[in-house]
Protein backbone atom coordinates (compact mmCIF):
# COMPACT_ATOMS: atom_id res chain seq x y z
CA MET A 1 273.55 -177.58 -15.99
CA SER A 2 274.63 -176.56 -18.87
CA SER A 3 276.82 -179.59 -19.32
CA SER A 4 277.10 -182.97 -17.38
CA LYS A 5 275.48 -183.24 -13.80
CA SER A 6 275.32 -182.20 -9.88
CA LYS A 7 274.08 -182.81 -6.58
CA TYR A 8 272.73 -180.56 -4.44
CA LYS A 9 271.64 -180.68 -0.91
CA ILE A 10 269.19 -178.03 0.34
CA GLY A 11 268.53 -178.42 3.92
CA ASP A 12 267.33 -181.77 4.28
CA GLU A 13 266.64 -182.32 0.82
CA LYS A 14 269.13 -183.90 -1.90
CA TYR A 15 268.88 -183.59 -5.54
CA VAL A 16 270.55 -184.53 -8.83
CA LEU A 17 270.35 -182.05 -11.90
CA LYS A 18 271.28 -182.89 -15.15
CA GLN A 19 271.81 -181.16 -18.35
CA GLY A 20 268.65 -178.75 -19.18
CA ASP A 21 267.62 -178.92 -15.20
CA SER A 22 266.81 -176.10 -13.49
CA ILE A 23 266.64 -175.41 -9.44
CA TYR A 24 264.47 -172.37 -7.54
CA PHE A 25 265.87 -172.69 -3.43
CA ASP A 26 265.92 -170.80 -0.48
CA SER A 27 269.49 -169.59 -0.35
CA THR A 28 269.00 -168.78 3.80
CA LYS A 29 268.25 -172.68 4.39
CA PRO A 30 272.01 -174.65 4.21
CA HIS A 31 272.75 -175.52 0.45
CA ALA A 32 276.03 -177.47 -0.81
CA PHE A 33 276.72 -178.46 -4.76
CA ARG A 34 279.20 -180.69 -5.99
CA ASN A 35 280.25 -182.42 -8.95
CA PRO A 36 279.23 -186.74 -8.56
CA GLY A 37 281.63 -186.81 -12.22
CA LYS A 38 284.68 -186.75 -14.09
CA ASP A 39 283.23 -184.64 -16.39
CA THR A 40 283.29 -180.86 -15.83
CA ALA A 41 279.61 -179.50 -14.38
CA VAL A 42 278.90 -176.30 -16.21
CA ALA A 43 275.64 -174.26 -14.37
CA ILE A 44 274.65 -170.66 -14.81
CA TRP A 45 274.19 -169.25 -11.01
CA THR A 46 271.90 -166.00 -10.07
CA GLY A 47 271.00 -165.18 -6.93
CA THR A 48 269.15 -161.62 -5.76
CA PRO A 49 268.53 -159.65 -2.78
CA TRP A 50 266.98 -161.04 0.21
CA GLY A 51 265.63 -158.03 1.59
CA PRO A 52 264.87 -154.66 0.57
CA VAL A 53 266.76 -152.74 -1.72
CA ASP A 54 268.13 -149.15 -0.78
CA GLU A 55 267.74 -147.24 -4.40
CA SER A 56 268.63 -143.82 -2.94
């Protein structure tokens, strides 16, 4: 998180991330996130392919 905080649910687990926190998870699992506050939450999000990459 770059600023504020967010709540995440990944599978059956729940997490609260605050400024400076990070999280890694298997994106094939059901997941959701939300901003519980009034301040704008800013996060940097990346993803990688889950399967082989065709480099032809």
